[in-house]
């Protein structure tokens, strides 16, 4: 069991994305997944990181390579352990060539 929250897609060209976020989770298996997509929304690649477990939020950064066909990026927060919680304080996506 579990649940996930999906961000709206963000237009982004091929290259790289630096994704910085502050989050916390009560479970060890909560993740944030960055999904590069083409213009139709078809997934081209994905990169996954674990969300910090504990009572305090932690700031983390993810470096994502965007394929040549990339046109958008979508983030997915996954909470896989029943009766657990996760909180995103903020997220920032910066494009890099």
N, C-alpha and C. Protein backbone atom coordinates (compact mmCIF):
# COMPACT_ATOMS: atom_id res chain seq x y z
N UNK A 1 0.81 -1.19 0.00
CA UNK A 1 0.00 0.00 0.00
C UNK A 1 0.85 1.24 0.00
N UNK A 2 0.21 2.36 -0.11
CA UNK A 2 0.88 3.64 -0.10
C UNK A 2 0.12 4.65 -0.92
N UNK A 3 0.71 5.82 -1.08
CA UNK A 3 0.09 6.86 -1.87
C UNK A 3 1.16 7.74 -2.49
N UNK A 4 0.75 8.58 -3.44
CA UNK A 4 1.70 9.50 -4.04
C UNK A 4 0.99 10.80 -4.39
N UNK A 5 1.79 11.86 -4.48
CA UNK A 5 1.32 13.16 -4.94
C UNK A 5 2.13 13.53 -6.16
N UNK A 6 1.47 14.01 -7.19
CA UNK A 6 2.10 14.33 -8.46
C UNK A 6 2.03 15.83 -8.71
N UNK A 7 3.18 16.45 -9.02
CA UNK A 7 3.19 17.87 -9.33
C UNK A 7 2.62 18.11 -10.72
N UNK A 8 2.23 19.34 -11.00
CA UNK A 8 1.89 19.66 -12.39
C UNK A 8 3.17 19.58 -13.22
N UNK A 9 3.06 19.24 -14.51
CA UNK A 9 4.25 19.22 -15.35
C UNK A 9 4.81 20.62 -15.55
N UNK A 10 6.13 20.71 -15.60
CA UNK A 10 6.83 21.98 -15.81
C UNK A 10 7.55 21.90 -17.16
N UNK A 11 7.36 22.89 -18.02
CA UNK A 11 8.07 22.91 -19.30
C UNK A 11 9.56 23.10 -19.05
N UNK A 12 10.37 22.25 -19.67
CA UNK A 12 11.83 22.32 -19.49
C UNK A 12 12.49 21.69 -20.71
N UNK A 13 13.54 22.34 -21.24
CA UNK A 13 14.22 21.79 -22.42
C UNK A 13 15.24 20.72 -22.03
N UNK A 14 15.81 20.03 -23.00
CA UNK A 14 16.89 19.08 -22.72
C UNK A 14 18.05 19.77 -22.02
N UNK A 15 18.83 19.01 -21.30
CA UNK A 15 19.97 19.54 -20.56
C UNK A 15 20.02 18.89 -19.19
N UNK A 16 19.98 19.72 -18.17
CA UNK A 16 20.01 19.23 -16.79
C UNK A 16 19.05 20.04 -15.93
N UNK A 17 18.58 19.44 -14.86
CA UNK A 17 17.77 20.14 -13.88
C UNK A 17 18.39 19.93 -12.51
N UNK A 18 18.55 21.02 -11.78
CA UNK A 18 18.96 20.94 -10.39
C UNK A 18 17.70 21.13 -9.57
N UNK A 19 17.31 20.08 -8.86
CA UNK A 19 16.08 20.10 -8.06
C UNK A 19 16.49 20.15 -6.60
N UNK A 20 16.14 21.24 -5.93
CA UNK A 20 16.44 21.41 -4.51
C UNK A 20 15.12 21.39 -3.76
N UNK A 21 15.08 20.69 -2.63
CA UNK A 21 13.83 20.61 -1.88
C UNK A 21 14.11 20.44 -0.39
N UNK A 22 13.11 20.78 0.40
CA UNK A 22 13.15 20.55 1.84
C UNK A 22 11.95 19.68 2.19
N UNK A 23 12.23 18.54 2.82
CA UNK A 23 11.16 17.59 3.10
C UNK A 23 11.51 16.71 4.28
N UNK A 24 10.50 16.00 4.77
CA UNK A 24 10.70 15.01 5.83
C UNK A 24 9.61 13.95 5.72
N UNK A 25 9.88 12.81 6.35
CA UNK A 25 8.92 11.70 6.31
C UNK A 25 9.00 10.91 7.61
N UNK A 26 7.91 10.27 7.96
CA UNK A 26 7.93 9.38 9.13
C UNK A 26 8.34 7.97 8.74
N UNK A 27 8.49 7.71 7.44
CA UNK A 27 8.86 6.37 6.96
C UNK A 27 10.19 6.42 6.23
N UNK A 28 10.93 5.33 6.29
CA UNK A 28 12.24 5.25 5.64
C UNK A 28 12.14 5.06 4.13
N UNK A 29 10.99 4.64 3.63
CA UNK A 29 10.89 4.33 2.19
C UNK A 29 10.15 5.40 1.38
N UNK A 30 9.99 6.60 1.91
CA UNK A 30 9.37 7.68 1.13
C UNK A 30 10.40 8.22 0.14
N UNK A 31 9.93 8.54 -1.06
CA UNK A 31 10.85 8.99 -2.11
C UNK A 31 10.29 10.19 -2.86
N UNK A 32 11.18 10.87 -3.56
CA UNK A 32 10.80 11.87 -4.55
C UNK A 32 11.37 11.37 -5.87
N UNK A 33 10.53 11.40 -6.88
CA UNK A 33 10.90 10.89 -8.20
C UNK A 33 10.77 12.02 -9.22
N UNK A 34 11.83 12.28 -9.97
CA UNK A 34 11.81 13.27 -11.05
C UNK A 34 11.65 12.52 -12.36
N UNK A 35 10.62 12.87 -13.13
CA UNK A 35 10.32 12.15 -14.36
C UNK A 35 10.40 13.10 -15.55
N UNK A 36 11.37 12.87 -16.43
CA UNK A 36 11.49 13.64 -17.67
C UNK A 36 10.50 13.06 -18.67
N UNK A 37 9.79 13.95 -19.37
CA UNK A 37 8.77 13.51 -20.32
C UNK A 37 8.94 14.25 -21.65
N UNK A 38 8.42 13.64 -22.71
CA UNK A 38 8.40 14.32 -24.01
C UNK A 38 7.18 15.24 -24.05
N UNK A 39 6.96 15.90 -25.18
CA UNK A 39 5.86 16.87 -25.31
C UNK A 39 4.48 16.25 -25.12
N UNK A 40 4.35 14.93 -25.36
CA UNK A 40 3.04 14.27 -25.20
C UNK A 40 2.81 13.76 -23.78
N UNK A 41 3.85 13.85 -22.91
CA UNK A 41 3.74 13.35 -21.55
C UNK A 41 4.28 11.95 -21.37
N UNK A 42 4.81 11.35 -22.44
CA UNK A 42 5.40 10.02 -22.32
C UNK A 42 6.71 10.12 -21.53
N UNK A 43 6.88 9.22 -20.57
CA UNK A 43 8.06 9.25 -19.72
C UNK A 43 9.30 8.79 -20.49
N UNK A 44 10.37 9.59 -20.39
CA UNK A 44 11.64 9.27 -21.05
C UNK A 44 12.65 8.70 -20.08
N UNK A 45 12.67 9.22 -18.86
CA UNK A 45 13.60 8.76 -17.83
C UNK A 45 13.09 9.18 -16.47
N UNK A 46 13.65 8.58 -15.44
CA UNK A 46 13.29 8.97 -14.08
C UNK A 46 14.49 8.80 -13.16
N UNK A 47 14.52 9.64 -12.14
CA UNK A 47 15.56 9.59 -11.12
C UNK A 47 14.86 9.65 -9.78
N UNK A 48 15.27 8.80 -8.84
CA UNK A 48 14.59 8.70 -7.54
C UNK A 48 15.56 8.91 -6.40
N UNK A 49 15.12 9.66 -5.39
CA UNK A 49 15.88 9.85 -4.15
C UNK A 49 14.99 9.60 -2.96
N UNK A 50 15.61 9.20 -1.86
CA UNK A 50 14.88 8.96 -0.62
C UNK A 50 14.68 10.27 0.13
N UNK A 51 13.50 10.44 0.71
CA UNK A 51 13.19 11.60 1.55
C UNK A 51 13.73 11.31 2.95
N UNK A 52 14.33 12.31 3.58
CA UNK A 52 14.89 12.14 4.93
C UNK A 52 13.80 11.74 5.93
N UNK A 53 14.12 10.75 6.74
CA UNK A 53 13.19 10.31 7.77
C UNK A 53 13.50 11.04 9.07
N UNK A 54 12.48 11.47 9.78
CA UNK A 54 12.67 12.11 11.07
C UNK A 54 11.72 13.27 11.29
N UNK A 55 11.81 13.90 12.46
CA UNK A 55 10.88 14.97 12.82
C UNK A 55 11.21 16.31 12.18
N UNK A 56 12.42 16.48 11.62
CA UNK A 56 12.83 17.75 11.03
C UNK A 56 13.04 17.61 9.53
N UNK A 57 12.72 18.67 8.81
CA UNK A 57 12.95 18.68 7.37
C UNK A 57 14.43 18.82 7.08
N UNK A 58 14.86 18.25 5.96
CA UNK A 58 16.23 18.34 5.50
C UNK A 58 16.22 18.85 4.06
N UNK A 59 17.16 19.72 3.76
CA UNK A 59 17.29 20.22 2.40
C UNK A 59 18.22 19.30 1.62
N UNK A 60 17.78 18.91 0.45
CA UNK A 60 18.56 18.03 -0.42
C UNK A 60 18.51 18.56 -1.83
N UNK A 61 19.48 18.14 -2.63
CA UNK A 61 19.51 18.54 -4.04
C UNK A 61 19.67 17.31 -4.90
N UNK A 62 19.00 17.30 -6.05
CA UNK A 62 19.09 16.22 -7.02
C UNK A 62 19.54 16.81 -8.35
N UNK A 63 20.46 16.15 -9.01
CA UNK A 63 20.93 16.54 -10.34
C UNK A 63 20.33 15.56 -11.32
N UNK A 64 19.54 16.04 -12.26
CA UNK A 64 18.83 15.19 -13.21
C UNK A 64 19.27 15.52 -14.63
N UNK A 65 19.68 14.52 -15.38
CA UNK A 65 19.99 14.70 -16.80
C UNK A 65 18.71 14.55 -17.60
N UNK A 66 18.42 15.54 -18.43
CA UNK A 66 17.20 15.53 -19.24
C UNK A 66 17.55 15.07 -20.66
N UNK A 67 16.90 14.01 -21.15
CA UNK A 67 17.20 13.47 -22.48
C UNK A 67 16.94 14.50 -23.59
N UNK A 68 17.47 14.21 -24.78
CA UNK A 68 17.35 15.12 -25.92
C UNK A 68 15.88 15.40 -26.29
N UNK A 69 14.98 14.46 -26.05
CA UNK A 69 13.57 14.65 -26.40
C UNK A 69 12.75 15.30 -25.28
N UNK A 70 13.40 15.63 -24.16
CA UNK A 70 12.67 16.17 -23.00
C UNK A 70 12.00 17.50 -23.33
N UNK A 71 10.75 17.63 -22.87
CA UNK A 71 10.00 18.87 -23.04
C UNK A 71 9.38 19.32 -21.73
N UNK A 72 9.30 18.39 -20.77
CA UNK A 72 8.70 18.73 -19.48
C UNK A 72 9.22 17.82 -18.39
N UNK A 73 9.00 18.24 -17.15
CA UNK A 73 9.46 17.51 -15.97
C UNK A 73 8.32 17.46 -14.97
N UNK A 74 8.16 16.32 -14.32
CA UNK A 74 7.12 16.17 -13.31
C UNK A 74 7.74 15.50 -12.10
N UNK A 75 7.35 15.93 -10.90
CA UNK A 75 7.85 15.34 -9.65
C UNK A 75 6.74 14.52 -9.00
N UNK A 76 7.16 13.44 -8.37
CA UNK A 76 6.19 12.56 -7.68
C UNK A 76 6.74 12.23 -6.30
N UNK A 77 5.99 12.55 -5.25
CA UNK A 77 6.32 12.20 -3.88
C UNK A 77 5.59 10.91 -3.54
N UNK A 78 6.34 9.89 -3.12
CA UNK A 78 5.75 8.59 -2.83
C UNK A 78 5.92 8.25 -1.35
N UNK A 79 4.83 7.87 -0.73
CA UNK A 79 4.83 7.42 0.67
C UNK A 79 4.30 5.99 0.64
N UNK A 80 5.18 5.02 0.85
CA UNK A 80 4.82 3.62 0.63
C UNK A 80 4.41 2.86 1.89
N UNK A 81 4.75 3.37 3.07
CA UNK A 81 4.43 2.69 4.32
C UNK A 81 3.06 3.14 4.82
N UNK A 82 2.15 2.19 5.10
CA UNK A 82 0.84 2.55 5.63
C UNK A 82 0.97 3.35 6.93
N UNK A 83 0.06 4.30 7.12
CA UNK A 83 -0.02 5.13 8.33
C UNK A 83 1.20 6.01 8.55
N UNK A 84 1.91 6.35 7.49
CA UNK A 84 3.05 7.25 7.60
C UNK A 84 2.71 8.57 6.91
N UNK A 85 3.53 9.58 7.14
CA UNK A 85 3.31 10.89 6.54
C UNK A 85 4.60 11.41 5.92
N UNK A 86 4.45 12.32 4.98
CA UNK A 86 5.58 13.02 4.38
C UNK A 86 5.16 14.46 4.15
N UNK A 87 6.13 15.36 4.25
CA UNK A 87 5.85 16.78 4.09
C UNK A 87 6.94 17.41 3.25
N UNK A 88 6.52 18.14 2.20
CA UNK A 88 7.43 18.95 1.40
C UNK A 88 7.24 20.38 1.86
N UNK A 89 8.30 21.02 2.33
CA UNK A 89 8.22 22.43 2.71
C UNK A 89 8.28 23.31 1.48
N UNK A 90 9.19 22.98 0.55
CA UNK A 90 9.34 23.73 -0.69
C UNK A 90 10.15 22.91 -1.68
N UNK A 91 10.04 23.28 -2.94
CA UNK A 91 10.83 22.64 -4.00
C UNK A 91 11.17 23.70 -5.04
N UNK A 92 12.37 23.61 -5.60
CA UNK A 92 12.83 24.57 -6.61
C UNK A 92 13.50 23.78 -7.74
N UNK A 93 13.12 24.08 -8.98
CA UNK A 93 13.70 23.43 -10.16
C UNK A 93 14.42 24.50 -10.97
N UNK A 94 15.71 24.25 -11.22
CA UNK A 94 16.52 25.17 -12.02
C UNK A 94 17.07 24.43 -13.22
N UNK A 95 16.89 25.00 -14.41
CA UNK A 95 17.42 24.38 -15.62
C UNK A 95 18.88 24.78 -15.81
N UNK A 96 19.67 23.83 -16.27
CA UNK A 96 21.09 24.06 -16.59
C UNK A 96 21.34 23.44 -17.96
N UNK A 97 22.17 24.09 -18.80
CA UNK A 97 22.44 23.51 -20.12
C UNK A 97 23.21 22.21 -20.03
